[in-house]
Amino acid sequence: MLLIDAIRKAEKDRLVRKLSKNHFLCSAFAFIKDDSVNEWVLHYFSPESKKMVDCIVGSAVNIGDETPAIKEMEKLDAKKVKVSSDRAIKIAGKGFEKKTVSSMISLHKKDKVVWTVSMITQDMIITSFDIDALTGKITDKKEESLLRRQGS
């Protein structure tokens, strides 16, 4: 499922329309399975209450409880994104030859709107690619061990 399709499906839901009166979309997250996404978690932020609400969009639309936000969030206009989630996954995967045990994708604002595709390999290394959501260029790549020992 493309992110834009998940957003459209959520916007048709009565509870999401009600939520949208005082919340705005600030980010989205999903696990990648077989190079695609079946379910998105859309994050809606209320600038008034400084709280977030998760909206899970898959075969149905479900809204979670309101929780305190870690920080002030900016509005995300996903309709202006030029690179689809599927394309971002392909960009990150191009030339990545390690076997992954889990992969995730998120759309959020840093200095600009970026896709972050993170892949965890069998040797517990996470490789994250930041991809400009307008141009499709990889703007950052980080690799880190998930098994770092405390104090080392």
N, C-alpha and C. Protein backbone atom coordinates (compact mmCIF):
# COMPACT_ATOMS: atom_id res chain seq x y z
N MET A 1 0.86 -1.18 0.00
CA MET A 1 0.00 0.00 0.00
C MET A 1 0.90 1.24 0.00
N LEU A 2 0.66 2.13 -0.91
CA LEU A 2 1.39 3.40 -0.94
C LEU A 2 0.90 4.29 0.21
N LEU A 3 1.79 5.14 0.70
CA LEU A 3 1.41 6.04 1.78
C LEU A 3 0.24 6.93 1.38
N ILE A 4 0.27 7.47 0.19
CA ILE A 4 -0.80 8.39 -0.23
C ILE A 4 -2.15 7.67 -0.22
N ASP A 5 -2.16 6.38 -0.55
CA ASP A 5 -3.40 5.60 -0.50
C ASP A 5 -3.87 5.41 0.93
N ALA A 6 -2.93 5.19 1.85
CA ALA A 6 -3.29 5.06 3.27
C ALA A 6 -3.86 6.37 3.80
N ILE A 7 -3.28 7.48 3.40
CA ILE A 7 -3.78 8.79 3.85
C ILE A 7 -5.18 9.03 3.31
N ARG A 8 -5.40 8.72 2.05
CA ARG A 8 -6.74 8.89 1.46
C ARG A 8 -7.77 8.02 2.18
N LYS A 9 -7.38 6.79 2.48
CA LYS A 9 -8.28 5.88 3.19
C LYS A 9 -8.59 6.42 4.58
N ALA A 10 -7.58 6.93 5.26
CA ALA A 10 -7.78 7.50 6.60
C ALA A 10 -8.69 8.72 6.54
N GLU A 11 -8.49 9.57 5.54
CA GLU A 11 -9.29 10.80 5.43
C GLU A 11 -10.77 10.53 5.20
N LYS A 12 -11.11 9.34 4.71
CA LYS A 12 -12.51 8.97 4.51
C LYS A 12 -13.17 8.49 5.80
N ASP A 13 -12.35 8.17 6.80
CA ASP A 13 -12.86 7.65 8.06
C ASP A 13 -13.44 8.79 8.90
N ARG A 14 -14.61 8.56 9.45
CA ARG A 14 -15.31 9.59 10.24
C ARG A 14 -14.48 10.06 11.43
N LEU A 15 -13.86 9.12 12.15
CA LEU A 15 -13.07 9.49 13.34
C LEU A 15 -11.81 10.28 12.98
N VAL A 16 -11.21 9.96 11.86
CA VAL A 16 -10.02 10.70 11.42
C VAL A 16 -10.41 12.10 10.98
N ARG A 17 -11.55 12.22 10.29
CA ARG A 17 -12.02 13.56 9.90
C ARG A 17 -12.26 14.42 11.14
N LYS A 18 -12.83 13.83 12.17
CA LYS A 18 -13.07 14.55 13.42
C LYS A 18 -11.74 14.92 14.07
N LEU A 19 -10.81 14.00 14.08
CA LEU A 19 -9.48 14.22 14.65
C LEU A 19 -8.75 15.35 13.91
N SER A 20 -8.92 15.41 12.60
CA SER A 20 -8.22 16.40 11.77
C SER A 20 -8.63 17.84 12.05
N LYS A 21 -9.68 18.03 12.81
CA LYS A 21 -10.10 19.40 13.12
C LYS A 21 -9.10 20.10 14.03
N ASN A 22 -8.41 19.35 14.91
CA ASN A 22 -7.43 19.98 15.78
C ASN A 22 -6.09 19.24 15.80
N HIS A 23 -5.89 18.30 14.87
CA HIS A 23 -4.62 17.59 14.72
C HIS A 23 -4.20 17.68 13.25
N PHE A 24 -2.89 17.56 13.01
CA PHE A 24 -2.43 17.49 11.62
C PHE A 24 -1.45 16.33 11.47
N LEU A 25 -1.33 15.82 10.25
CA LEU A 25 -0.41 14.74 9.95
C LEU A 25 1.01 15.27 10.09
N CYS A 26 1.84 14.56 10.87
CA CYS A 26 3.23 15.02 11.05
C CYS A 26 4.25 13.98 10.61
N SER A 27 3.88 12.71 10.55
CA SER A 27 4.80 11.68 10.08
C SER A 27 4.04 10.39 9.82
N ALA A 28 4.74 9.45 9.21
CA ALA A 28 4.15 8.14 8.92
C ALA A 28 5.24 7.08 9.03
N PHE A 29 4.85 5.87 9.39
CA PHE A 29 5.80 4.79 9.63
C PHE A 29 5.19 3.46 9.20
N ALA A 30 6.05 2.56 8.72
CA ALA A 30 5.57 1.22 8.35
C ALA A 30 6.71 0.22 8.35
N PHE A 31 6.37 -1.04 8.57
CA PHE A 31 7.31 -2.12 8.37
C PHE A 31 7.20 -2.57 6.92
N ILE A 32 8.33 -2.94 6.35
CA ILE A 32 8.38 -3.39 4.96
C ILE A 32 8.44 -4.91 4.96
N LYS A 33 7.56 -5.51 4.18
CA LYS A 33 7.59 -6.97 4.04
C LYS A 33 7.54 -7.29 2.56
N ASP A 34 8.50 -8.09 2.09
CA ASP A 34 8.59 -8.45 0.67
C ASP A 34 8.59 -7.20 -0.22
N ASP A 35 9.37 -6.21 0.15
CA ASP A 35 9.55 -4.96 -0.59
C ASP A 35 8.28 -4.12 -0.74
N SER A 36 7.30 -4.33 0.14
CA SER A 36 6.10 -3.49 0.10
C SER A 36 5.55 -3.30 1.51
N VAL A 37 4.54 -2.45 1.60
CA VAL A 37 3.92 -2.11 2.89
C VAL A 37 2.46 -2.52 2.85
N ASN A 38 2.02 -3.19 3.91
CA ASN A 38 0.61 -3.58 4.01
C ASN A 38 -0.17 -2.71 4.99
N GLU A 39 0.55 -2.06 5.90
CA GLU A 39 -0.12 -1.28 6.95
C GLU A 39 0.76 -0.09 7.32
N TRP A 40 0.14 1.08 7.39
CA TRP A 40 0.83 2.33 7.77
C TRP A 40 0.36 2.79 9.13
N VAL A 41 1.25 3.40 9.86
CA VAL A 41 0.90 4.11 11.09
C VAL A 41 1.09 5.59 10.79
N LEU A 42 -0.02 6.33 10.78
CA LEU A 42 0.01 7.77 10.54
C LEU A 42 0.00 8.47 11.89
N HIS A 43 0.89 9.43 12.06
CA HIS A 43 0.99 10.16 13.33
C HIS A 43 0.37 11.54 13.15
N TYR A 44 -0.63 11.83 13.98
CA TYR A 44 -1.30 13.13 13.98
C TYR A 44 -0.94 13.87 15.26
N PHE A 45 -0.59 15.15 15.12
CA PHE A 45 -0.13 15.97 16.25
C PHE A 45 -1.11 17.11 16.49
N SER A 46 -1.38 17.37 17.78
CA SER A 46 -2.21 18.51 18.16
C SER A 46 -1.30 19.60 18.73
N PRO A 47 -1.17 20.75 18.06
CA PRO A 47 -0.34 21.82 18.59
C PRO A 47 -0.91 22.40 19.88
N GLU A 48 -2.21 22.26 20.05
CA GLU A 48 -2.88 22.78 21.24
C GLU A 48 -2.55 21.94 22.48
N SER A 49 -2.71 20.64 22.38
CA SER A 49 -2.49 19.76 23.54
C SER A 49 -1.06 19.22 23.61
N LYS A 50 -0.29 19.37 22.51
CA LYS A 50 1.07 18.82 22.41
C LYS A 50 1.07 17.30 22.55
N LYS A 51 0.01 16.68 22.00
CA LYS A 51 -0.12 15.23 22.05
C LYS A 51 -0.25 14.66 20.64
N MET A 52 0.06 13.37 20.54
CA MET A 52 -0.01 12.68 19.26
C MET A 52 -1.03 11.56 19.32
N VAL A 53 -1.57 11.24 18.17
CA VAL A 53 -2.50 10.12 18.02
C VAL A 53 -2.02 9.30 16.83
N ASP A 54 -1.94 7.98 17.03
CA ASP A 54 -1.58 7.07 15.95
C ASP A 54 -2.85 6.61 15.25
N CYS A 55 -2.79 6.57 13.94
CA CYS A 55 -3.88 6.06 13.13
C CYS A 55 -3.31 4.92 12.30
N ILE A 56 -3.76 3.71 12.56
CA ILE A 56 -3.24 2.54 11.86
C ILE A 56 -4.15 2.25 10.67
N VAL A 57 -3.55 2.23 9.48
CA VAL A 57 -4.31 2.04 8.26
C VAL A 57 -3.81 0.79 7.55
N GLY A 58 -4.67 -0.19 7.46
CA GLY A 58 -4.39 -1.43 6.75
C GLY A 58 -5.68 -1.84 6.06
N SER A 59 -6.17 -3.01 6.38
CA SER A 59 -7.47 -3.43 5.82
C SER A 59 -8.59 -2.61 6.45
N ALA A 60 -8.34 -2.05 7.63
CA ALA A 60 -9.29 -1.16 8.32
C ALA A 60 -8.52 0.05 8.84
N VAL A 61 -9.24 1.01 9.37
CA VAL A 61 -8.64 2.20 9.97
C VAL A 61 -8.93 2.17 11.46
N ASN A 62 -7.88 2.22 12.27
CA ASN A 62 -8.02 2.20 13.72
C ASN A 62 -7.24 3.36 14.33
N ILE A 63 -7.83 4.00 15.31
CA ILE A 63 -7.19 5.14 15.97
C ILE A 63 -6.79 4.74 17.38
N GLY A 64 -5.53 5.08 17.72
CA GLY A 64 -5.01 4.78 19.05
C GLY A 64 -5.33 5.89 20.03
N ASP A 65 -4.80 5.74 21.22
CA ASP A 65 -4.99 6.74 22.27
C ASP A 65 -4.05 7.92 22.06
N GLU A 66 -4.43 9.05 22.63
CA GLU A 66 -3.58 10.23 22.59
C GLU A 66 -2.43 10.04 23.58
N THR A 67 -1.21 10.35 23.15
CA THR A 67 -0.04 10.24 24.01
C THR A 67 0.78 11.51 23.91
N PRO A 68 1.54 11.86 24.94
CA PRO A 68 2.37 13.06 24.88
C PRO A 68 3.41 12.96 23.76
N ALA A 69 3.60 14.04 23.04
CA ALA A 69 4.61 14.08 21.97
C ALA A 69 5.98 14.32 22.59
N ILE A 70 7.00 13.76 21.97
CA ILE A 70 8.37 13.94 22.44
C ILE A 70 8.83 15.37 22.21
N LYS A 71 8.36 15.97 21.11
CA LYS A 71 8.73 17.33 20.77
C LYS A 71 7.63 17.96 19.93
N GLU A 72 7.73 19.25 19.72
CA GLU A 72 6.81 19.97 18.83
C GLU A 72 7.00 19.45 17.41
N MET A 73 5.93 19.16 16.72
CA MET A 73 6.01 18.59 15.38
C MET A 73 5.55 19.61 14.34
N GLU A 74 6.04 19.43 13.13
CA GLU A 74 5.65 20.28 12.01
C GLU A 74 4.67 19.53 11.12
N LYS A 75 3.81 20.29 10.48
CA LYS A 75 2.82 19.70 9.57
C LYS A 75 3.53 19.10 8.36
N LEU A 76 3.06 17.94 7.96
CA LEU A 76 3.60 17.23 6.81
C LEU A 76 2.55 17.20 5.73
N ASP A 77 2.86 17.73 4.57
CA ASP A 77 1.94 17.68 3.44
C ASP A 77 2.41 16.58 2.49
N ALA A 78 1.93 15.38 2.73
CA ALA A 78 2.36 14.21 1.95
C ALA A 78 1.94 14.31 0.49
N LYS A 79 0.96 15.15 0.19
CA LYS A 79 0.52 15.28 -1.20
C LYS A 79 1.56 15.99 -2.07
N LYS A 80 2.51 16.68 -1.43
CA LYS A 80 3.57 17.37 -2.17
C LYS A 80 4.80 16.49 -2.36
N VAL A 81 4.79 15.30 -1.78
CA VAL A 81 5.92 14.38 -1.91
C VAL A 81 5.94 13.83 -3.33
N LYS A 82 7.10 13.88 -3.97
CA LYS A 82 7.23 13.43 -5.36
C LYS A 82 7.69 11.97 -5.48
N VAL A 83 8.39 11.48 -4.45
CA VAL A 83 8.92 10.11 -4.47
C VAL A 83 8.00 9.23 -3.63
N SER A 84 7.45 8.19 -4.24
CA SER A 84 6.53 7.30 -3.51
C SER A 84 7.30 6.44 -2.52
N SER A 85 6.57 5.86 -1.59
CA SER A 85 7.19 4.96 -0.62
C SER A 85 7.82 3.76 -1.33
N ASP A 86 7.16 3.21 -2.33
CA ASP A 86 7.71 2.09 -3.08
C ASP A 86 9.03 2.47 -3.76
N ARG A 87 9.06 3.67 -4.32
CA ARG A 87 10.29 4.15 -4.99
C ARG A 87 11.41 4.34 -3.97
N ALA A 88 11.10 4.89 -2.79
CA ALA A 88 12.11 5.09 -1.75
C ALA A 88 12.69 3.74 -1.31
N ILE A 89 11.85 2.72 -1.19
CA ILE A 89 12.32 1.39 -0.82
C ILE A 89 13.29 0.85 -1.88
N LYS A 90 12.95 1.06 -3.15
CA LYS A 90 13.82 0.60 -4.24
C LYS A 90 15.15 1.35 -4.24
N ILE A 91 15.10 2.65 -3.99
CA ILE A 91 16.32 3.46 -3.96
C ILE A 91 17.25 2.97 -2.86
N ALA A 92 16.71 2.75 -1.68
CA ALA A 92 17.52 2.29 -0.55
C ALA A 92 18.06 0.88 -0.80
N GLY A 93 17.27 0.05 -1.43
CA GLY A 93 17.68 -1.34 -1.64
C GLY A 93 18.65 -1.55 -2.78
N LYS A 94 18.78 -0.54 -3.65
CA LYS A 94 19.67 -0.67 -4.81
C LYS A 94 21.11 -0.81 -4.32
N GLY A 95 21.71 -1.93 -4.63
CA GLY A 95 23.09 -2.17 -4.24
C GLY A 95 23.26 -2.67 -2.81
N PHE A 96 22.17 -2.77 -2.05
CA PHE A 96 22.25 -3.29 -0.69
C PHE A 96 22.08 -4.80 -0.78
N GLU A 97 23.16 -5.53 -0.50
CA GLU A 97 23.13 -6.97 -0.77
C GLU A 97 23.04 -7.85 0.46
N LYS A 98 23.05 -7.26 1.66
CA LYS A 98 22.97 -8.08 2.86
C LYS A 98 21.54 -8.59 3.04
N LYS A 99 21.41 -9.73 3.70
CA LYS A 99 20.09 -10.29 3.98
C LYS A 99 19.48 -9.55 5.17
N THR A 100 18.28 -9.05 5.00
CA THR A 100 17.62 -8.31 6.07
C THR A 100 16.66 -9.21 6.84
N VAL A 101 16.55 -8.92 8.14
CA VAL A 101 15.57 -9.63 8.96
C VAL A 101 14.37 -8.74 9.24
N SER A 102 14.56 -7.43 9.09
CA SER A 102 13.46 -6.49 9.29
C SER A 102 13.82 -5.19 8.58
N SER A 103 12.80 -4.54 8.01
CA SER A 103 12.99 -3.25 7.34
C SER A 103 11.83 -2.34 7.68
N MET A 104 12.13 -1.05 7.79
CA MET A 104 11.12 -0.06 8.15
C MET A 104 11.27 1.16 7.24
N ILE A 105 10.19 1.90 7.10
CA ILE A 105 10.22 3.14 6.34
C ILE A 105 9.41 4.19 7.09
N SER A 106 9.90 5.42 7.06
CA SER A 106 9.13 6.51 7.66
C SER A 106 9.26 7.75 6.79
N LEU A 107 8.25 8.57 6.84
CA LEU A 107 8.26 9.86 6.16
C LEU A 107 8.11 10.90 7.26
N HIS A 108 9.04 11.86 7.27
CA HIS A 108 9.03 12.87 8.33
C HIS A 108 9.83 14.08 7.88
N LYS A 109 9.78 15.12 8.68
CA LYS A 109 10.53 16.33 8.37
C LYS A 109 11.80 16.37 9.19
N LYS A 110 12.89 16.63 8.53
CA LYS A 110 14.16 16.97 9.19
C LYS A 110 14.37 18.42 8.77
N ASP A 111 15.43 18.69 8.02
CA ASP A 111 15.55 20.02 7.41
C ASP A 111 14.55 20.15 6.27
N LYS A 112 14.28 19.01 5.64
CA LYS A 112 13.29 18.92 4.57
C LYS A 112 12.54 17.61 4.75
N VAL A 113 11.59 17.33 3.91
CA VAL A 113 10.82 16.09 4.03
C VAL A 113 11.68 14.94 3.48
N VAL A 114 11.84 13.91 4.31
CA VAL A 114 12.67 12.77 3.90
C VAL A 114 11.97 11.45 4.22
N TRP A 115 12.30 10.48 3.40
CA TRP A 115 11.99 9.09 3.69
C TRP A 115 13.20 8.55 4.42
N THR A 116 13.01 7.82 5.49
CA THR A 116 14.10 7.08 6.12
C THR A 116 13.76 5.61 5.99
N VAL A 117 14.63 4.89 5.29
CA VAL A 117 14.47 3.46 5.13
C VAL A 117 15.57 2.81 5.97
N SER A 118 15.18 1.97 6.92
CA SER A 118 16.13 1.31 7.82
C SER A 118 16.03 -0.19 7.64
N MET A 119 17.20 -0.81 7.47
CA MET A 119 17.26 -2.25 7.26
C MET A 119 18.13 -2.88 8.34
N ILE A 120 17.58 -3.88 9.01
CA ILE A 120 18.32 -4.61 10.04
C ILE A 120 18.72 -5.96 9.44
N THR A 121 20.02 -6.26 9.52
CA THR A 121 20.55 -7.48 8.93
C THR A 121 20.70 -8.58 9.99
N GLN A 122 21.01 -9.78 9.52
CA GLN A 122 21.16 -10.93 10.41
C GLN A 122 22.28 -10.72 11.43
N ASP A 123 23.28 -9.93 11.07
CA ASP A 123 24.38 -9.68 12.00
C ASP A 123 24.09 -8.49 12.92
N MET A 124 22.82 -8.09 12.98
CA MET A 124 22.32 -7.03 13.87
C MET A 124 22.95 -5.66 13.59
N ILE A 125 23.16 -5.39 12.32
CA ILE A 125 23.60 -4.08 11.88
C ILE A 125 22.38 -3.38 11.28
N ILE A 126 22.16 -2.13 11.69
CA ILE A 126 21.07 -1.36 11.09
C ILE A 126 21.69 -0.34 10.14
N THR A 127 21.21 -0.35 8.92
CA THR A 127 21.64 0.62 7.92
C THR A 127 20.43 1.47 7.58
N SER A 128 20.59 2.79 7.75
CA SER A 128 19.50 3.73 7.50
C SER A 128 19.87 4.67 6.36
N PHE A 129 18.94 4.83 5.45
CA PHE A 129 19.10 5.73 4.32
C PHE A 129 18.08 6.85 4.45
N ASP A 130 18.53 8.10 4.41
CA ASP A 130 17.62 9.24 4.29
C ASP A 130 17.54 9.60 2.82
N ILE A 131 16.32 9.66 2.31
CA ILE A 131 16.09 9.92 0.89
C ILE A 131 15.21 11.15 0.76
N ASP A 132 15.69 12.14 0.04
CA ASP A 132 14.92 13.37 -0.19
C ASP A 132 13.60 12.99 -0.86
N ALA A 133 12.49 13.36 -0.26
CA ALA A 133 11.16 12.97 -0.75
C ALA A 133 10.74 13.73 -2.00
N LEU A 134 11.50 14.75 -2.38
CA LEU A 134 11.20 15.49 -3.61
C LEU A 134 12.07 15.05 -4.78
N THR A 135 13.34 14.73 -4.50
CA THR A 135 14.27 14.41 -5.58
C THR A 135 14.63 12.94 -5.69
N GLY A 136 14.49 12.19 -4.60
CA GLY A 136 14.87 10.78 -4.61
C GLY A 136 16.35 10.55 -4.37
N LYS A 137 17.09 11.60 -4.06
CA LYS A 137 18.52 11.46 -3.79
C LYS A 137 18.75 11.02 -2.35
N ILE A 138 19.71 10.12 -2.16
CA ILE A 138 20.10 9.70 -0.82
C ILE A 138 20.90 10.85 -0.20
N THR A 139 20.40 11.40 0.90
CA THR A 139 21.07 12.53 1.54
C THR A 139 21.91 12.11 2.74
N ASP A 140 21.69 10.90 3.25
CA ASP A 140 22.47 10.42 4.38
C ASP A 140 22.37 8.90 4.44
N LYS A 141 23.46 8.29 4.87
CA LYS A 141 23.47 6.83 5.09
C LYS A 141 24.25 6.60 6.38
N LYS A 142 23.63 5.83 7.29
CA LYS A 142 24.27 5.51 8.56
C LYS A 142 24.22 4.00 8.77
N GLU A 143 25.28 3.50 9.35
CA GLU A 143 25.34 2.09 9.69
C GLU A 143 25.78 1.97 11.14
N GLU A 144 25.04 1.15 11.90
CA GLU A 144 25.33 1.05 13.32
C GLU A 144 24.97 -0.35 13.83
N SER A 145 25.76 -0.84 14.76
CA SER A 145 25.49 -2.14 15.35
C SER A 145 24.41 -2.00 16.43
N LEU A 146 23.49 -2.92 16.45
CA LEU A 146 22.47 -2.94 17.50
C LEU A 146 22.99 -3.67 18.73
N LEU A 147 24.17 -4.25 18.63
CA LEU A 147 24.74 -5.03 19.73
C LEU A 147 25.86 -4.31 20.45
N ARG A 148 25.94 -3.01 20.32
CA ARG A 148 26.97 -2.25 21.04
C ARG A 148 26.85 -2.54 22.52
N ARG A 149 27.96 -2.79 23.14
CA ARG A 149 27.96 -3.07 24.57
C ARG A 149 27.95 -1.78 25.35
N GLN A 150 27.27 -1.80 26.49
CA GLN A 150 27.25 -0.66 27.40
C GLN A 150 28.66 -0.34 27.82
N GLY A 151 29.03 0.93 27.82
CA GLY A 151 30.33 1.37 28.28
C GLY A 151 31.45 1.19 27.30
N SER A 152 31.19 0.71 26.09
CA SER A 152 32.28 0.57 25.13
C SER A 152 32.25 1.64 24.10
